[in-house]
């Protein structure tokens, strides 16, 4: 089984013409749909057995973690403080956006060199926080909806977005992905970055993300690997030594491995096509994309049409 799982993260180079900018996309991890299908029965976290519903069925189960909501509500006022608790996200944002722009432009046949490469695409930023991701997506031309379960986050996001006529068009709501599924909302692409490690039920959360995605639409998630290296760097170093994040921001046991995330998404009718790692360069103070997914990683997948095949 381990050999099959390792094949999920095998490296294959893509054409340099698809990378934006080229210097940042030297390493990608495209994933084989056939590998995913062959082994999707074999990895199961306990929470995945919580529901047998099809992704097309409106979810009545909330994936909210009240402790996590309270934690982020306490620091909501600092979202746009570049030297505050969310400094790592500010530093990581350009690299996250480069990956998003590249994968979405390729998937939807958009011009990545355009000033507004995501023009007309309907995107939802699930767990949008203060809007750090929503705003640049709107500037790329996307029709953006941002949702967060913390009311203070949404208020901060709206206030900041209203400072710019371009970003003032963002539709912000204090709600959950599950509620939007019940409302029948769908989007061309669904994004949930640095969110799944904070939800109570990752499997149900991914089913909601899938239900919000149109058939053959795109889904992008980023999170932290449940590895000892991640424990050392993302928790011990980031929270207790460097004080980049408030202590207790992350729980190592809540992290997912790339293989587990791939399996959960596959069961939710989303096939992961690419995966890349984020690596911090302490000399330049910048994050770069890498094929090293042992700590931070981002995954791009597409929604299958066969909703009943989970």
C-alpha atoms as a PDB file:
ATOM      1  CA  UNK A   1       0.000   0.000   0.000  1.00  0.00           C
ATOM      2  CA  UNK A   2       2.815   2.404   0.804  1.00  0.00           C
ATOM      3  CA  UNK A   3       4.239   1.999  -2.684  1.00  0.00           C
ATOM      4  CA  UNK A   4       0.880   2.942  -4.144  1.00  0.00           C
ATOM      5  CA  UNK A   5       0.610   5.991  -1.896  1.00  0.00           C
ATOM      6  CA  UNK A   6       4.118   7.125  -2.747  1.00  0.00           C
ATOM      7  CA  UNK A   7       3.224   7.057  -6.444  1.00  0.00           C
ATOM      8  CA  UNK A   8       0.608   9.715  -5.724  1.00  0.00           C
ATOM      9  CA  UNK A   9       3.325  12.275  -5.129  1.00  0.00           C
ATOM     10  CA  UNK A  10       5.710  11.288  -7.925  1.00  0.00           C
ATOM     11  CA  UNK A  11       7.348  14.210  -9.765  1.00  0.00           C
ATOM     12  CA  UNK A  12       6.819  14.995 -13.424  1.00  0.00           C
ATOM     13  CA  UNK A  13       8.080  18.203 -15.038  1.00  0.00           C
ATOM     14  CA  UNK A  14       5.590  20.375 -16.864  1.00  0.00           C
ATOM     15  CA  UNK A  15       6.230  22.565 -19.860  1.00  0.00           C
ATOM     16  CA  UNK A  16       7.963  25.816 -18.801  1.00  0.00           C
ATOM     17  CA  UNK A  17       5.425  27.762 -20.841  1.00  0.00           C
ATOM     18  CA  UNK A  18       2.766  26.961 -18.230  1.00  0.00           C
ATOM     19  CA  UNK A  19       4.649  28.512 -15.324  1.00  0.00           C
ATOM     20  CA  UNK A  20       3.906  32.040 -14.070  1.00  0.00           C
ATOM     21  CA  UNK A  21       6.468  33.349 -13.374  1.00  0.00           C
ATOM     22  CA  UNK A  22       8.882  30.673 -14.716  1.00  0.00           C
ATOM     23  CA  UNK A  23      11.412  31.038 -11.902  1.00  0.00           C
ATOM     24  CA  UNK A  24       8.850  30.072  -9.291  1.00  0.00           C
ATOM     25  CA  UNK A  25       7.394  26.983 -10.906  1.00  0.00           C
ATOM     26  CA  UNK A  26      10.415  24.749 -11.407  1.00  0.00           C
ATOM     27  CA  UNK A  27       8.994  21.946  -9.280  1.00  0.00           C
ATOM     28  CA  UNK A  28       5.502  20.476  -9.548  1.00  0.00           C
ATOM     29  CA  UNK A  29       3.932  17.241  -8.452  1.00  0.00           C
ATOM     30  CA  UNK A  30       1.209  16.258 -10.943  1.00  0.00           C
ATOM     31  CA  UNK A  31      -0.852  13.397  -9.591  1.00  0.00           C
ATOM     32  CA  UNK A  32      -2.170  10.443 -11.534  1.00  0.00           C
ATOM     33  CA  UNK A  33      -5.940  10.026 -11.510  1.00  0.00           C
ATOM     34  CA  UNK A  34      -5.521   6.312 -12.103  1.00  0.00           C
ATOM     35  CA  UNK A  35      -3.279   5.993  -9.056  1.00  0.00           C
ATOM     36  CA  UNK A  36      -5.823   7.839  -6.941  1.00  0.00           C
ATOM     37  CA  UNK A  37      -8.686   5.670  -8.167  1.00  0.00           C
ATOM     38  CA  UNK A  38      -6.753   2.473  -7.599  1.00  0.00           C
ATOM     39  CA  UNK A  39      -5.938   3.197  -3.968  1.00  0.00           C
ATOM     40  CA  UNK A  40      -8.725   5.438  -2.724  1.00  0.00           C
ATOM     41  CA  UNK A  41     -10.233   2.620  -0.674  1.00  0.00           C
ATOM     42  CA  UNK A  42      -7.055   2.091   1.329  1.00  0.00           C
ATOM     43  CA  UNK A  43      -6.463   5.190   3.456  1.00  0.00           C
ATOM     44  CA  UNK A  44      -9.140   6.283   5.878  1.00  0.00           C
ATOM     45  CA  UNK A  45      -8.998   8.654   8.778  1.00  0.00           C
ATOM     46  CA  UNK A  46     -11.585   8.100  11.522  1.00  0.00           C
ATOM     47  CA  UNK A  47     -13.643  11.151  10.641  1.00  0.00           C
ATOM     48  CA  UNK A  48     -14.193   9.942   7.090  1.00  0.00           C
ATOM     49  CA  UNK A  49     -16.595   7.264   8.264  1.00  0.00           C
ATOM     50  CA  UNK A  50     -18.896   9.866   9.763  1.00  0.00           C
ATOM     51  CA  UNK A  51     -21.121  10.155   6.740  1.00  0.00           C
ATOM     52  CA  UNK A  52     -22.120   8.057   3.737  1.00  0.00           C
ATOM     53  CA  UNK A  53     -23.870  10.891   1.920  1.00  0.00           C
ATOM     54  CA  UNK A  54     -23.076  11.649  -1.687  1.00  0.00           C
ATOM     55  CA  UNK A  55     -21.338  14.999  -2.264  1.00  0.00           C
ATOM     56  CA  UNK A  56     -24.400  16.053  -4.231  1.00  0.00           C
ATOM     57  CA  UNK A  57     -26.574  15.715  -1.121  1.00  0.00           C
ATOM     58  CA  UNK A  58     -26.988  18.952   0.889  1.00  0.00           C
ATOM     59  CA  UNK A  59     -24.943  18.605   4.054  1.00  0.00           C
ATOM     60  CA  UNK A  60     -26.612  19.085   7.420  1.00  0.00           C
ATOM     61  CA  UNK A  61     -23.406  18.295   9.318  1.00  0.00           C
ATOM     62  CA  UNK A  62     -21.309  21.275  10.314  1.00  0.00           C
ATOM     63  CA  UNK A  63     -17.542  20.999  10.114  1.00  0.00           C
ATOM     64  CA  UNK A  64     -17.075  24.013  12.388  1.00  0.00           C
ATOM     65  CA  UNK A  65     -14.666  23.759  15.290  1.00  0.00           C
ATOM     66  CA  UNK A  66     -15.859  26.247  17.898  1.00  0.00           C
ATOM     67  CA  UNK A  67     -12.525  26.350  19.699  1.00  0.00           C
ATOM     68  CA  UNK A  68     -10.773  27.296  16.452  1.00  0.00           C
ATOM     69  CA  UNK A  69     -13.382  29.959  15.687  1.00  0.00           C
ATOM     70  CA  UNK A  70     -12.861  31.570  19.086  1.00  0.00           C
ATOM     71  CA  UNK A  71      -9.104  31.510  18.592  1.00  0.00           C
ATOM     72  CA  UNK A  72      -9.251  33.413  15.297  1.00  0.00           C
ATOM     73  CA  UNK A  73     -11.966  35.773  16.486  1.00  0.00           C
ATOM     74  CA  UNK A  74      -9.585  36.942  19.228  1.00  0.00           C
ATOM     75  CA  UNK A  75      -7.013  38.142  16.681  1.00  0.00           C
ATOM     76  CA  UNK A  76      -9.372  39.234  13.879  1.00  0.00           C
ATOM     77  CA  UNK A  77      -8.356  42.900  14.183  1.00  0.00           C
ATOM     78  CA  UNK A  78      -4.798  42.054  13.102  1.00  0.00           C
ATOM     79  CA  UNK A  79      -5.498  40.512   9.684  1.00  0.00           C
ATOM     80  CA  UNK A  80      -3.985  43.411   7.747  1.00  0.00           C
ATOM     81  CA  UNK A  81      -1.067  44.035  10.122  1.00  0.00           C
ATOM     82  CA  UNK A  82       1.832  42.758   8.041  1.00  0.00           C
ATOM     83  CA  UNK A  83       3.980  42.342  11.178  1.00  0.00           C
ATOM     84  CA  UNK A  84       1.182  40.820  13.275  1.00  0.00           C
ATOM     85  CA  UNK A  85       0.018  37.231  13.884  1.00  0.00           C
ATOM     86  CA  UNK A  86      -0.760  36.749  10.202  1.00  0.00           C
ATOM     87  CA  UNK A  87       2.689  37.816   8.998  1.00  0.00           C
ATOM     88  CA  UNK A  88       3.439  34.311   7.603  1.00  0.00           C
ATOM     89  CA  UNK A  89       0.339  34.523   5.377  1.00  0.00           C
ATOM     90  CA  UNK A  90       1.346  37.987   4.157  1.00  0.00           C
ATOM     91  CA  UNK A  91       4.768  36.617   3.223  1.00  0.00           C
ATOM     92  CA  UNK A  92       3.348  33.454   1.650  1.00  0.00           C
ATOM     93  CA  UNK A  93       0.579  35.183  -0.315  1.00  0.00           C
ATOM     94  CA  UNK A  94       2.553  36.032  -3.496  1.00  0.00           C
ATOM     95  CA  UNK A  95       3.661  32.411  -3.835  1.00  0.00           C
ATOM     96  CA  UNK A  96       0.175  31.056  -3.151  1.00  0.00           C
ATOM     97  CA  UNK A  97      -1.268  33.424  -5.748  1.00  0.00           C
ATOM     98  CA  UNK A  98       1.326  32.441  -8.343  1.00  0.00           C
ATOM     99  CA  UNK A  99       0.298  28.789  -7.989  1.00  0.00           C
ATOM    100  CA  UNK A 100      -3.400  29.679  -8.152  1.00  0.00           C
ATOM    101  CA  UNK A 101      -2.978  31.882 -11.202  1.00  0.00           C
ATOM    102  CA  UNK A 102      -0.942  29.277 -13.050  1.00  0.00           C
ATOM    103  CA  UNK A 103      -3.250  26.324 -12.366  1.00  0.00           C
ATOM    104  CA  UNK A 104      -6.524  28.187 -12.944  1.00  0.00           C
ATOM    105  CA  UNK A 105      -5.322  29.819 -16.155  1.00  0.00           C
ATOM    106  CA  UNK A 106      -4.242  26.469 -17.490  1.00  0.00           C
ATOM    107  CA  UNK A 107      -7.458  24.751 -16.403  1.00  0.00           C
ATOM    108  CA  UNK A 108      -9.801  27.406 -17.796  1.00  0.00           C
ATOM    109  CA  UNK A 109      -7.645  28.259 -20.857  1.00  0.00           C
ATOM    110  CA  UNK A 110      -6.962  31.808 -19.700  1.00  0.00           C
ATOM    111  CA  UNK A 111      -3.991  33.991 -20.620  1.00  0.00           C
ATOM    112  CA  UNK A 112      -1.697  34.018 -17.574  1.00  0.00           C
ATOM    113  CA  UNK A 113       0.132  37.070 -18.918  1.00  0.00           C
ATOM    114  CA  UNK A 114      -3.021  39.174 -18.994  1.00  0.00           C
ATOM    115  CA  UNK A 115      -3.402  42.019 -16.523  1.00  0.00           C
ATOM    116  CA  UNK A 116      -6.644  40.348 -15.387  1.00  0.00           C
ATOM    117  CA  UNK A 117      -5.953  36.649 -16.008  1.00  0.00           C
ATOM    118  CA  UNK A 118      -8.956  35.362 -14.033  1.00  0.00           C
ATOM    119  CA  UNK A 119     -11.456  37.659 -15.764  1.00  0.00           C
ATOM    120  CA  UNK A 120     -15.027  36.403 -15.373  1.00  0.00           C
ATOM    121  CA  UNK A 121     -14.289  33.318 -13.276  1.00  0.00           C
ATOM    122  CA  UNK A 122     -16.602  32.842 -10.298  1.00  0.00           C
ATOM    123  CA  UNK A 123     -14.409  31.977  -7.298  1.00  0.00           C
ATOM    124  CA  UNK A 124     -15.165  31.383  -3.652  1.00  0.00           C
ATOM    125  CA  UNK A 125     -12.579  31.840  -0.909  1.00  0.00           C
ATOM    126  CA  UNK A 126     -13.750  29.561   1.922  1.00  0.00           C
ATOM    127  CA  UNK A 127     -12.373  30.631   5.292  1.00  0.00           C
ATOM    128  CA  UNK A 128     -11.408  33.979   3.798  1.00  0.00           C
ATOM    129  CA  UNK A 129     -10.425  35.577   7.091  1.00  0.00           C
ATOM    130  CA  UNK A 130      -9.754  39.267   6.555  1.00  0.00           C
ATOM    131  CA  UNK A 131      -9.593  38.926   2.765  1.00  0.00           C
ATOM    132  CA  UNK A 132      -5.847  38.498   2.203  1.00  0.00           C
ATOM    133  CA  UNK A 133      -6.518  36.118  -0.688  1.00  0.00           C
ATOM    134  CA  UNK A 134      -9.891  37.457  -1.869  1.00  0.00           C
ATOM    135  CA  UNK A 135      -8.620  40.933  -2.692  1.00  0.00           C
ATOM    136  CA  UNK A 136      -5.776  40.002  -5.080  1.00  0.00           C
ATOM    137  CA  UNK A 137      -8.073  37.459  -6.758  1.00  0.00           C
ATOM    138  CA  UNK A 138     -10.562  40.252  -7.418  1.00  0.00           C
ATOM    139  CA  UNK A 139      -7.766  42.394  -8.848  1.00  0.00           C
ATOM    140  CA  UNK A 140      -7.017  39.537 -11.245  1.00  0.00           C
ATOM    141  CA  UNK A 141     -10.532  39.916 -12.599  1.00  0.00           C
ATOM    142  CA  UNK A 142     -12.304  37.123 -10.738  1.00  0.00           C
ATOM    143  CA  UNK A 143     -15.855  37.473  -9.425  1.00  0.00           C
ATOM    144  CA  UNK A 144     -15.059  36.687  -5.794  1.00  0.00           C
ATOM    145  CA  UNK A 145     -17.191  35.497  -2.911  1.00  0.00           C
ATOM    146  CA  UNK A 146     -15.493  35.306   0.474  1.00  0.00           C
ATOM    147  CA  UNK A 147     -17.027  33.399   3.379  1.00  0.00           C
ATOM    148  CA  UNK A 148     -15.921  32.919   6.953  1.00  0.00           C
ATOM    149  CA  UNK A 149     -17.683  31.625  10.060  1.00  0.00           C
ATOM    150  CA  UNK A 150     -16.146  34.383  12.226  1.00  0.00           C
ATOM    151  CA  UNK A 151     -18.247  37.533  12.014  1.00  0.00           C
ATOM    152  CA  UNK A 152     -15.349  39.796  13.040  1.00  0.00           C
ATOM    153  CA  UNK A 153     -13.288  38.462  10.134  1.00  0.00           C
ATOM    154  CA  UNK A 154     -16.010  39.352   7.637  1.00  0.00           C
ATOM    155  CA  UNK A 155     -16.413  42.849   9.074  1.00  0.00           C
ATOM    156  CA  UNK A 156     -12.674  43.470   8.778  1.00  0.00           C
ATOM    157  CA  UNK A 157     -12.656  42.066   5.238  1.00  0.00           C
ATOM    158  CA  UNK A 158     -15.526  44.313   4.129  1.00  0.00           C
ATOM    159  CA  UNK A 159     -14.011  47.437   5.647  1.00  0.00           C
ATOM    160  CA  UNK A 160     -10.668  46.821   3.961  1.00  0.00           C
ATOM    161  CA  UNK A 161     -12.158  45.859   0.603  1.00  0.00           C
ATOM    162  CA  UNK A 162     -14.275  49.010   0.506  1.00  0.00           C
ATOM    163  CA  UNK A 163     -11.094  51.096   0.428  1.00  0.00           C
ATOM    164  CA  UNK A 164     -10.565  50.102  -3.222  1.00  0.00           C
ATOM    165  CA  UNK A 165     -13.320  50.259  -5.907  1.00  0.00           C
ATOM    166  CA  UNK A 166     -11.969  47.065  -7.497  1.00  0.00           C
ATOM    167  CA  UNK A 167     -12.087  44.985  -4.328  1.00  0.00           C
ATOM    168  CA  UNK A 168     -15.336  46.568  -3.098  1.00  0.00           C
ATOM    169  CA  UNK A 169     -17.117  44.231  -5.527  1.00  0.00           C
ATOM    170  CA  UNK A 170     -16.204  41.192  -3.402  1.00  0.00           C
ATOM    171  CA  UNK A 171     -19.273  39.483  -1.945  1.00  0.00           C
ATOM    172  CA  UNK A 172     -18.525  38.713   1.702  1.00  0.00           C
ATOM    173  CA  UNK A 173     -20.744  36.580   3.931  1.00  0.00           C
ATOM    174  CA  UNK A 174     -20.486  35.303   7.476  1.00  0.00           C
ATOM    175  CA  UNK A 175     -21.559  31.744   6.752  1.00  0.00           C
ATOM    176  CA  UNK A 176     -20.244  28.245   6.154  1.00  0.00           C
ATOM    177  CA  UNK A 177     -19.593  26.128   3.088  1.00  0.00           C
ATOM    178  CA  UNK A 178     -22.319  23.742   4.255  1.00  0.00           C
ATOM    179  CA  UNK A 179     -24.942  26.487   4.317  1.00  0.00           C
ATOM    180  CA  UNK A 180     -23.987  27.632   0.830  1.00  0.00           C
ATOM    181  CA  UNK A 181     -24.400  24.055  -0.395  1.00  0.00           C
ATOM    182  CA  UNK A 182     -27.918  24.029   1.026  1.00  0.00           C
ATOM    183  CA  UNK A 183     -28.573  27.281  -0.846  1.00  0.00           C
ATOM    184  CA  UNK A 184     -27.495  25.630  -4.093  1.00  0.00           C
ATOM    185  CA  UNK A 185     -24.551  27.952  -4.739  1.00  0.00           C
ATOM    186  CA  UNK A 186     -21.856  26.784  -7.182  1.00  0.00           C
ATOM    187  CA  UNK A 187     -18.599  28.285  -8.442  1.00  0.00           C
ATOM    188  CA  UNK A 188     -16.054  27.748 -11.190  1.00  0.00           C
ATOM    189  CA  UNK A 189     -13.310  27.331  -8.613  1.00  0.00           C
ATOM    190  CA  UNK A 190     -13.360  26.751  -4.862  1.00  0.00           C
ATOM    191  CA  UNK A 191     -10.378  27.729  -2.703  1.00  0.00           C
ATOM    192  CA  UNK A 192      -9.729  26.868   0.935  1.00  0.00           C
ATOM    193  CA  UNK A 193      -6.218  27.850   1.943  1.00  0.00           C
ATOM    194  CA  UNK A 194      -4.865  27.128   5.423  1.00  0.00           C
ATOM    195  CA  UNK A 195      -8.373  26.141   6.535  1.00  0.00           C
ATOM    196  CA  UNK A 196      -8.820  22.366   6.595  1.00  0.00           C
ATOM    197  CA  UNK A 197      -6.456  21.918   9.546  1.00  0.00           C
ATOM    198  CA  UNK A 198      -8.871  24.032  11.619  1.00  0.00           C
ATOM    199  CA  UNK A 199     -12.157  22.233  10.843  1.00  0.00           C
ATOM    200  CA  UNK A 200     -13.758  19.524  12.958  1.00  0.00           C
ATOM    201  CA  UNK A 201     -14.458  17.094  10.118  1.00  0.00           C
ATOM    202  CA  UNK A 202     -12.140  17.285   7.075  1.00  0.00           C
ATOM    203  CA  UNK A 203     -14.123  14.690   5.106  1.00  0.00           C
ATOM    204  CA  UNK A 204     -17.425  16.547   5.449  1.00  0.00           C
ATOM    205  CA  UNK A 205     -15.678  19.833   4.727  1.00  0.00           C
ATOM    206  CA  UNK A 206     -14.257  18.472   1.464  1.00  0.00           C
ATOM    207  CA  UNK A 207     -17.674  17.138   0.460  1.00  0.00           C
ATOM    208  CA  UNK A 208     -19.024  20.661   0.877  1.00  0.00           C
ATOM    209  CA  UNK A 209     -16.185  22.132  -1.181  1.00  0.00           C
ATOM    210  CA  UNK A 210     -16.918  19.597  -3.908  1.00  0.00           C
ATOM    211  CA  UNK A 211     -20.638  20.365  -3.861  1.00  0.00           C
ATOM    212  CA  UNK A 212     -19.833  24.062  -4.318  1.00  0.00           C
ATOM    213  CA  UNK A 213     -17.703  23.301  -7.392  1.00  0.00           C
ATOM    214  CA  UNK A 214     -19.253  23.009 -10.845  1.00  0.00           C
ATOM    215  CA  UNK A 215     -18.557  19.752 -12.747  1.00  0.00           C
ATOM    216  CA  UNK A 216     -15.028  19.947 -14.165  1.00  0.00           C
ATOM    217  CA  UNK A 217     -14.434  23.002 -12.008  1.00  0.00           C
ATOM    218  CA  UNK A 218     -11.279  23.500  -9.949  1.00  0.00           C
ATOM    219  CA  UNK A 219     -10.591  23.045  -6.254  1.00  0.00           C
ATOM    220  CA  UNK A 220      -7.452  24.325  -4.510  1.00  0.00           C
ATOM    221  CA  UNK A 221      -6.480  23.653  -0.901  1.00  0.00           C
ATOM    222  CA  UNK A 222      -3.341  24.330   1.082  1.00  0.00           C
ATOM    223  CA  UNK A 223      -2.440  23.013   4.505  1.00  0.00           C
ATOM    224  CA  UNK A 224       0.371  21.583   6.658  1.00  0.00           C
ATOM    225  CA  UNK A 225       1.653  18.029   6.454  1.00  0.00           C
ATOM    226  CA  UNK A 226       1.367  15.843   9.552  1.00  0.00           C
ATOM    227  CA  UNK A 227       5.078  15.109   9.668  1.00  0.00           C
ATOM    228  CA  UNK A 228       7.693  15.424  12.377  1.00  0.00           C
ATOM    229  CA  UNK A 229       9.414  18.070  10.308  1.00  0.00           C
ATOM    230  CA  UNK A 230       6.171  20.061  10.229  1.00  0.00           C
ATOM    231  CA  UNK A 231       5.836  19.710  13.993  1.00  0.00           C
ATOM    232  CA  UNK A 232       9.337  21.051  14.452  1.00  0.00           C
ATOM    233  CA  UNK A 233       9.003  23.976  12.054  1.00  0.00           C
ATOM    234  CA  UNK A 234       5.306  24.923  11.981  1.00  0.00           C
ATOM    235  CA  UNK A 235       4.673  24.535  15.704  1.00  0.00           C
ATOM    236  CA  UNK A 236       7.872  24.469  17.772  1.00  0.00           C
ATOM    237  CA  UNK A 237       9.817  26.998  15.686  1.00  0.00           C
ATOM    238  CA  UNK A 238       6.998  29.202  14.361  1.00  0.00           C
ATOM    239  CA  UNK A 239       4.981  29.411  17.587  1.00  0.00           C
ATOM    240  CA  UNK A 240       7.470  28.933  20.434  1.00  0.00           C
ATOM    241  CA  UNK A 241      10.877  30.042  19.143  1.00  0.00           C
ATOM    242  CA  UNK A 242      10.338  32.627  16.391  1.00  0.00           C
ATOM    243  CA  UNK A 243       6.910  33.735  17.692  1.00  0.00           C
ATOM    244  CA  UNK A 244       5.585  34.117  14.132  1.00  0.00           C
ATOM    245  CA  UNK A 245       2.230  32.749  15.303  1.00  0.00           C
ATOM    246  CA  UNK A 246       0.373  32.812  18.628  1.00  0.00           C
ATOM    247  CA  UNK A 247       1.010  29.698  20.716  1.00  0.00           C
ATOM    248  CA  UNK A 248      -1.648  27.091  20.101  1.00  0.00           C
ATOM    249  CA  UNK A 249      -2.464  28.270  16.569  1.00  0.00           C
ATOM    250  CA  UNK A 250      -1.980  24.749  15.225  1.00  0.00           C
ATOM    251  CA  UNK A 251      -2.590  21.254  16.550  1.00  0.00           C
ATOM    252  CA  UNK A 252      -0.256  18.685  14.974  1.00  0.00           C
ATOM    253  CA  UNK A 253      -2.860  15.928  15.257  1.00  0.00           C
ATOM    254  CA  UNK A 254      -5.225  17.971  13.068  1.00  0.00           C
ATOM    255  CA  UNK A 255      -2.825  18.086  10.123  1.00  0.00           C
ATOM    256  CA  UNK A 256      -3.352  15.854   7.088  1.00  0.00           C
ATOM    257  CA  UNK A 257      -0.705  14.121   5.039  1.00  0.00           C
ATOM    258  CA  UNK A 258      -0.771  14.730   1.264  1.00  0.00           C
ATOM    259  CA  UNK A 259      -1.921  11.138   0.747  1.00  0.00           C
ATOM    260  CA  UNK A 260      -4.792  11.518   3.200  1.00  0.00           C
ATOM    261  CA  UNK A 261      -5.939  14.777   1.655  1.00  0.00           C
ATOM    262  CA  UNK A 262      -5.814  13.182  -1.795  1.00  0.00           C
ATOM    263  CA  UNK A 263      -7.957  10.254  -0.612  1.00  0.00           C
ATOM    264  CA  UNK A 264     -10.500  12.479   1.131  1.00  0.00           C
ATOM    265  CA  UNK A 265     -10.840  14.692  -1.936  1.00  0.00           C
ATOM    266  CA  UNK A 266     -11.171  11.686  -4.229  1.00  0.00           C
ATOM    267  CA  UNK A 267     -14.069  10.379  -2.158  1.00  0.00           C
ATOM    268  CA  UNK A 268     -15.630  13.819  -2.576  1.00  0.00           C
ATOM    269  CA  UNK A 269     -15.345  13.563  -6.407  1.00  0.00           C
ATOM    270  CA  UNK A 270     -12.287  15.807  -6.653  1.00  0.00           C
ATOM    271  CA  UNK A 271      -9.208  14.334  -8.327  1.00  0.00           C
ATOM    272  CA  UNK A 272      -5.942  15.975  -7.280  1.00  0.00           C
ATOM    273  CA  UNK A 273      -3.850  16.809 -10.356  1.00  0.00           C
ATOM    274  CA  UNK A 274      -0.951  18.798  -8.912  1.00  0.00           C
ATOM    275  CA  UNK A 275       0.758  19.348  -5.630  1.00  0.00           C
ATOM    276  CA  UNK A 276       3.587  21.698  -4.659  1.00  0.00           C
ATOM    277  CA  UNK A 277       5.358  22.537  -1.448  1.00  0.00           C
ATOM    278  CA  UNK A 278       6.097  25.909   0.125  1.00  0.00           C
ATOM    279  CA  UNK A 279       9.645  26.409   1.405  1.00  0.00           C
ATOM    280  CA  UNK A 280      10.776  29.444   3.375  1.00  0.00           C
ATOM    281  CA  UNK A 281      14.121  31.035   2.555  1.00  0.00           C
ATOM    282  CA  UNK A 282      15.367  32.712   5.764  1.00  0.00           C
ATOM    283  CA  UNK A 283      18.003  34.679   3.847  1.00  0.00           C
ATOM    284  CA  UNK A 284      15.588  36.409   1.462  1.00  0.00           C
ATOM    285  CA  UNK A 285      12.580  36.209   3.782  1.00  0.00           C
ATOM    286  CA  UNK A 286      10.499  34.809   0.919  1.00  0.00           C
ATOM    287  CA  UNK A 287       8.489  31.649   0.331  1.00  0.00           C
ATOM    288  CA  UNK A 288       9.168  29.639  -2.814  1.00  0.00           C
ATOM    289  CA  UNK A 289       7.426  26.766  -4.536  1.00  0.00           C
ATOM    290  CA  UNK A 290       9.239  23.450  -4.311  1.00  0.00           C
ATOM    291  CA  UNK A 291       8.725  19.727  -4.741  1.00  0.00           C
ATOM    292  CA  UNK A 292       9.305  19.419  -0.971  1.00  0.00           C
ATOM    293  CA  UNK A 293       5.833  18.811   0.498  1.00  0.00           C
ATOM    294  CA  UNK A 294       7.048  17.666   3.908  1.00  0.00           C
ATOM    295  CA  UNK A 295       5.758  20.799   5.685  1.00  0.00           C
ATOM    296  CA  UNK A 296       3.507  23.272   3.838  1.00  0.00           C
ATOM    297  CA  UNK A 297       1.836  22.159   0.620  1.00  0.00           C
ATOM    298  CA  UNK A 298      -0.869  23.202  -1.841  1.00  0.00           C
ATOM    299  CA  UNK A 299      -3.028  20.932  -4.003  1.00  0.00           C
ATOM    300  CA  UNK A 300      -5.044  21.596  -7.157  1.00  0.00           C
ATOM    301  CA  UNK A 301      -7.780  19.220  -8.290  1.00  0.00           C
ATOM    302  CA  UNK A 302     -10.724  18.994 -10.648  1.00  0.00           C
ATOM    303  CA  UNK A 303     -14.317  18.024  -9.936  1.00  0.00           C
ATOM    304  CA  UNK A 304     -15.428  14.788 -11.565  1.00  0.00           C
ATOM    305  CA  UNK A 305     -18.747  14.587 -13.373  1.00  0.00           C
ATOM    306  CA  UNK A 306     -19.560  11.155 -11.874  1.00  0.00           C
ATOM    307  CA  UNK A 307     -20.951  12.478  -8.576  1.00  0.00           C
ATOM    308  CA  UNK A 308     -22.218   9.083  -7.550  1.00  0.00           C
ATOM    309  CA  UNK A 309     -18.814   7.392  -7.862  1.00  0.00           C
ATOM    310  CA  UNK A 310     -17.285   7.964  -4.457  1.00  0.00           C
END
